[in-house]
Amino acid sequence: MNLAGLYILRGYLIMISMKAILLKLPNELVEAGDVCADSLGVSRAEYIRRAIDRMNHETARAQRARALINASKKVRVESALVNAEFDAIEGDVQR
């Protein structure tokens, strides 16, 4: 992709080619979003893009946290055994 095909707009890297979607949202949600978008000085579409981007980042962060917790649980027993072996070697078994 060449540089002419990319634009920087309010901190977002946006390509000329974008997919269009149709959303059906409750009126109250759209009206509240419009108020927020106006307060930020951005369009409704930009506000929705930012909201989706933020949610994607939050979801990815939560998935990484769950993966770390699961990995930690898998090695917890093994780590306890290794620590017990070191305690036995050092003669410092404390419980």
N, C-alpha and C. Protein backbone atom coordinates (compact mmCIF):
# COMPACT_ATOMS: atom_id res chain seq x y z
N MET A 1 0.85 -1.17 0.00
CA MET A 1 0.00 0.00 0.00
C MET A 1 0.89 1.24 0.00
N ASN A 2 0.55 2.22 -0.82
CA ASN A 2 1.35 3.43 -0.87
C ASN A 2 0.88 4.46 0.15
N LEU A 3 1.71 5.45 0.39
CA LEU A 3 1.38 6.46 1.39
C LEU A 3 0.17 7.28 1.02
N ALA A 4 -0.09 7.43 -0.28
CA ALA A 4 -1.26 8.20 -0.70
C ALA A 4 -2.55 7.50 -0.28
N GLY A 5 -2.47 6.20 -0.05
CA GLY A 5 -3.66 5.44 0.34
C GLY A 5 -3.97 5.52 1.82
N LEU A 6 -3.15 6.22 2.58
CA LEU A 6 -3.35 6.30 4.04
C LEU A 6 -3.54 7.74 4.47
N TYR A 7 -4.36 7.93 5.44
CA TYR A 7 -4.58 9.26 6.01
C TYR A 7 -4.49 9.17 7.53
N ILE A 8 -4.01 10.21 8.14
CA ILE A 8 -4.03 10.30 9.60
C ILE A 8 -5.15 11.28 9.94
N LEU A 9 -6.13 10.80 10.71
CA LEU A 9 -7.27 11.63 11.06
C LEU A 9 -7.52 11.51 12.56
N ARG A 10 -7.25 12.57 13.30
CA ARG A 10 -7.48 12.59 14.74
C ARG A 10 -6.84 11.39 15.45
N GLY A 11 -5.61 11.08 15.08
CA GLY A 11 -4.89 10.03 15.75
C GLY A 11 -5.17 8.63 15.25
N TYR A 12 -6.03 8.49 14.26
CA TYR A 12 -6.38 7.17 13.74
C TYR A 12 -5.79 7.00 12.35
N LEU A 13 -5.29 5.83 12.10
CA LEU A 13 -4.81 5.48 10.78
C LEU A 13 -6.01 4.91 10.03
N ILE A 14 -6.48 5.63 9.03
CA ILE A 14 -7.69 5.22 8.32
C ILE A 14 -7.34 5.02 6.85
N MET A 15 -7.70 3.87 6.33
CA MET A 15 -7.47 3.60 4.93
C MET A 15 -8.66 4.09 4.12
N ILE A 16 -8.40 4.42 2.86
CA ILE A 16 -9.48 4.88 1.99
C ILE A 16 -10.58 3.84 1.90
N SER A 17 -10.20 2.59 1.83
CA SER A 17 -11.17 1.51 1.71
C SER A 17 -11.63 1.07 3.10
N MET A 18 -12.92 1.22 3.36
CA MET A 18 -13.50 0.79 4.63
C MET A 18 -14.75 0.00 4.33
N LYS A 19 -15.07 -0.89 5.22
CA LYS A 19 -16.32 -1.64 5.11
C LYS A 19 -17.44 -0.81 5.69
N ALA A 20 -18.58 -0.90 5.08
CA ALA A 20 -19.77 -0.21 5.60
C ALA A 20 -20.62 -1.22 6.35
N ILE A 21 -21.21 -0.75 7.45
CA ILE A 21 -22.11 -1.61 8.21
C ILE A 21 -23.39 -0.84 8.47
N LEU A 22 -24.44 -1.57 8.70
CA LEU A 22 -25.72 -0.98 9.06
C LEU A 22 -26.03 -1.40 10.48
N LEU A 23 -26.28 -0.42 11.33
CA LEU A 23 -26.58 -0.70 12.73
C LEU A 23 -28.00 -0.24 13.05
N LYS A 24 -28.69 -1.04 13.81
CA LYS A 24 -29.96 -0.60 14.37
C LYS A 24 -29.73 -0.43 15.86
N LEU A 25 -29.89 0.80 16.33
CA LEU A 25 -29.63 1.12 17.72
C LEU A 25 -30.85 1.81 18.32
N PRO A 26 -31.05 1.65 19.62
CA PRO A 26 -32.14 2.37 20.28
C PRO A 26 -31.95 3.88 20.12
N ASN A 27 -33.05 4.60 19.95
CA ASN A 27 -32.99 6.05 19.76
C ASN A 27 -32.19 6.73 20.86
N GLU A 28 -32.41 6.31 22.11
CA GLU A 28 -31.73 6.94 23.24
C GLU A 28 -30.21 6.78 23.13
N LEU A 29 -29.76 5.62 22.66
CA LEU A 29 -28.33 5.38 22.53
C LEU A 29 -27.74 6.27 21.44
N VAL A 30 -28.44 6.41 20.33
CA VAL A 30 -27.97 7.27 19.24
C VAL A 30 -27.94 8.73 19.69
N GLU A 31 -29.00 9.16 20.37
CA GLU A 31 -29.05 10.56 20.82
C GLU A 31 -27.94 10.86 21.82
N ALA A 32 -27.70 9.96 22.75
CA ALA A 32 -26.62 10.16 23.72
C ALA A 32 -25.26 10.16 23.01
N GLY A 33 -25.10 9.28 22.04
CA GLY A 33 -23.85 9.24 21.28
C GLY A 33 -23.64 10.51 20.48
N ASP A 34 -24.72 11.04 19.92
CA ASP A 34 -24.61 12.30 19.16
C ASP A 34 -24.18 13.46 20.05
N VAL A 35 -24.73 13.51 21.26
CA VAL A 35 -24.35 14.57 22.21
C VAL A 35 -22.86 14.45 22.53
N CYS A 36 -22.42 13.22 22.80
CA CYS A 36 -21.00 13.01 23.12
C CYS A 36 -20.10 13.33 21.93
N ALA A 37 -20.51 12.91 20.73
CA ALA A 37 -19.73 13.18 19.53
C ALA A 37 -19.61 14.69 19.30
N ASP A 38 -20.71 15.40 19.47
CA ASP A 38 -20.69 16.86 19.31
C ASP A 38 -19.75 17.50 20.32
N SER A 39 -19.77 17.00 21.56
CA SER A 39 -18.91 17.59 22.59
C SER A 39 -17.44 17.37 22.28
N LEU A 40 -17.14 16.30 21.56
CA LEU A 40 -15.75 16.02 21.16
C LEU A 40 -15.39 16.65 19.82
N GLY A 41 -16.39 17.16 19.13
CA GLY A 41 -16.15 17.77 17.82
C GLY A 41 -15.88 16.76 16.72
N VAL A 42 -16.49 15.57 16.85
CA VAL A 42 -16.30 14.54 15.83
C VAL A 42 -17.66 14.12 15.28
N SER A 43 -17.64 13.46 14.16
CA SER A 43 -18.87 12.98 13.56
C SER A 43 -19.39 11.76 14.32
N ARG A 44 -20.64 11.43 14.07
CA ARG A 44 -21.23 10.23 14.66
C ARG A 44 -20.42 9.00 14.25
N ALA A 45 -20.06 8.92 12.98
CA ALA A 45 -19.30 7.75 12.48
C ALA A 45 -17.96 7.64 13.18
N GLU A 46 -17.26 8.77 13.36
CA GLU A 46 -15.96 8.75 14.04
C GLU A 46 -16.12 8.34 15.49
N TYR A 47 -17.19 8.83 16.13
CA TYR A 47 -17.45 8.48 17.52
C TYR A 47 -17.68 6.98 17.65
N ILE A 48 -18.47 6.41 16.75
CA ILE A 48 -18.74 4.96 16.77
C ILE A 48 -17.46 4.18 16.49
N ARG A 49 -16.63 4.66 15.54
CA ARG A 49 -15.35 3.99 15.26
C ARG A 49 -14.49 3.95 16.52
N ARG A 50 -14.42 5.09 17.21
CA ARG A 50 -13.61 5.15 18.43
C ARG A 50 -14.16 4.24 19.52
N ALA A 51 -15.47 4.19 19.64
CA ALA A 51 -16.10 3.33 20.65
C ALA A 51 -15.79 1.86 20.37
N ILE A 52 -15.89 1.46 19.10
CA ILE A 52 -15.58 0.07 18.74
C ILE A 52 -14.10 -0.20 18.97
N ASP A 53 -13.24 0.74 18.61
CA ASP A 53 -11.80 0.56 18.81
C ASP A 53 -11.48 0.41 20.29
N ARG A 54 -12.09 1.24 21.12
CA ARG A 54 -11.86 1.15 22.57
C ARG A 54 -12.33 -0.19 23.12
N MET A 55 -13.51 -0.63 22.69
CA MET A 55 -14.05 -1.91 23.15
C MET A 55 -13.16 -3.06 22.68
N ASN A 56 -12.65 -2.98 21.46
CA ASN A 56 -11.73 -4.02 20.97
C ASN A 56 -10.48 -4.10 21.84
N HIS A 57 -9.92 -2.93 22.19
CA HIS A 57 -8.73 -2.93 23.04
C HIS A 57 -9.03 -3.48 24.43
N GLU A 58 -10.18 -3.09 25.01
CA GLU A 58 -10.55 -3.59 26.33
C GLU A 58 -10.77 -5.11 26.31
N THR A 59 -11.40 -5.59 25.24
CA THR A 59 -11.64 -7.04 25.11
C THR A 59 -10.32 -7.79 24.98
N ALA A 60 -9.41 -7.27 24.16
CA ALA A 60 -8.10 -7.92 23.99
C ALA A 60 -7.34 -7.93 25.31
N ARG A 61 -7.40 -6.83 26.06
CA ARG A 61 -6.72 -6.76 27.36
C ARG A 61 -7.31 -7.78 28.34
N ALA A 62 -8.62 -7.92 28.35
CA ALA A 62 -9.27 -8.90 29.23
C ALA A 62 -8.91 -10.32 28.82
N GLN A 63 -8.82 -10.58 27.51
CA GLN A 63 -8.43 -11.91 27.04
C GLN A 63 -7.00 -12.23 27.46
N ARG A 64 -6.10 -11.25 27.36
CA ARG A 64 -4.72 -11.47 27.79
C ARG A 64 -4.65 -11.75 29.29
N ALA A 65 -5.44 -11.02 30.06
CA ALA A 65 -5.45 -11.22 31.51
C ALA A 65 -5.94 -12.62 31.86
N ARG A 66 -7.02 -13.06 31.18
CA ARG A 66 -7.53 -14.43 31.43
C ARG A 66 -6.50 -15.47 31.03
N ALA A 67 -5.81 -15.26 29.92
CA ALA A 67 -4.79 -16.21 29.47
C ALA A 67 -3.65 -16.28 30.48
N LEU A 68 -3.26 -15.14 31.03
CA LEU A 68 -2.19 -15.11 32.03
C LEU A 68 -2.62 -15.83 33.30
N ILE A 69 -3.85 -15.62 33.73
CA ILE A 69 -4.37 -16.31 34.92
C ILE A 69 -4.38 -17.81 34.70
N ASN A 70 -4.85 -18.23 33.53
CA ASN A 70 -4.90 -19.67 33.22
C ASN A 70 -3.51 -20.27 33.18
N ALA A 71 -2.56 -19.56 32.58
CA ALA A 71 -1.18 -20.07 32.51
C ALA A 71 -0.59 -20.14 33.91
N SER A 72 -0.89 -19.15 34.73
CA SER A 72 -0.38 -19.13 36.11
C SER A 72 -0.92 -20.32 36.90
N LYS A 73 -2.21 -20.62 36.71
CA LYS A 73 -2.81 -21.76 37.41
C LYS A 73 -2.17 -23.07 36.98
N LYS A 74 -1.79 -23.18 35.70
CA LYS A 74 -1.19 -24.41 35.20
C LYS A 74 0.18 -24.66 35.81
N VAL A 75 0.93 -23.59 36.07
CA VAL A 75 2.29 -23.78 36.59
C VAL A 75 2.38 -23.64 38.10
N ARG A 76 1.27 -23.29 38.74
CA ARG A 76 1.29 -23.07 40.19
C ARG A 76 1.76 -24.31 40.95
N VAL A 77 1.21 -25.47 40.65
CA VAL A 77 1.59 -26.69 41.36
C VAL A 77 3.05 -27.03 41.09
N GLU A 78 3.44 -26.90 39.83
CA GLU A 78 4.83 -27.18 39.48
C GLU A 78 5.78 -26.24 40.22
N SER A 79 5.42 -24.97 40.29
CA SER A 79 6.26 -23.99 40.98
C SER A 79 6.37 -24.32 42.47
N ALA A 80 5.27 -24.75 43.08
CA ALA A 80 5.30 -25.12 44.50
C ALA A 80 6.23 -26.30 44.72
N LEU A 81 6.20 -27.26 43.81
CA LEU A 81 7.09 -28.43 43.94
C LEU A 81 8.55 -28.01 43.83
N VAL A 82 8.86 -27.16 42.88
CA VAL A 82 10.24 -26.69 42.69
C VAL A 82 10.68 -25.91 43.93
N ASN A 83 9.81 -25.06 44.44
CA ASN A 83 10.15 -24.30 45.65
C ASN A 83 10.40 -25.23 46.83
N ALA A 84 9.59 -26.27 46.96
CA ALA A 84 9.78 -27.23 48.05
C ALA A 84 11.12 -27.94 47.91
N GLU A 85 11.51 -28.27 46.67
CA GLU A 85 12.81 -28.91 46.45
C GLU A 85 13.95 -27.99 46.88
N PHE A 86 13.85 -26.71 46.52
CA PHE A 86 14.88 -25.76 46.93
C PHE A 86 14.92 -25.61 48.44
N ASP A 87 13.75 -25.56 49.07
CA ASP A 87 13.71 -25.47 50.54
C ASP A 87 14.40 -26.67 51.17
N ALA A 88 14.14 -27.85 50.61
CA ALA A 88 14.74 -29.07 51.17
C ALA A 88 16.26 -29.03 51.00
N ILE A 89 16.71 -28.55 49.86
CA ILE A 89 18.15 -28.48 49.60
C ILE A 89 18.81 -27.49 50.55
N GLU A 90 18.17 -26.38 50.79
CA GLU A 90 18.73 -25.33 51.65
C GLU A 90 18.54 -25.65 53.14
N GLY A 91 17.68 -26.60 53.43
CA GLY A 91 17.42 -26.94 54.83
C GLY A 91 16.58 -25.89 55.54
N ASP A 92 15.86 -25.09 54.76
CA ASP A 92 15.07 -23.99 55.33
C ASP A 92 13.57 -24.27 55.15
N VAL A 93 13.14 -25.45 55.39
CA VAL A 93 11.72 -25.76 55.20
C VAL A 93 10.94 -25.02 56.26
N GLN A 94 10.09 -24.13 55.80
CA GLN A 94 9.26 -23.33 56.71
C GLN A 94 7.82 -23.46 56.28
N ARG A 95 6.97 -23.76 57.22
CA ARG A 95 5.55 -23.89 56.88
C ARG A 95 4.72 -23.27 57.95
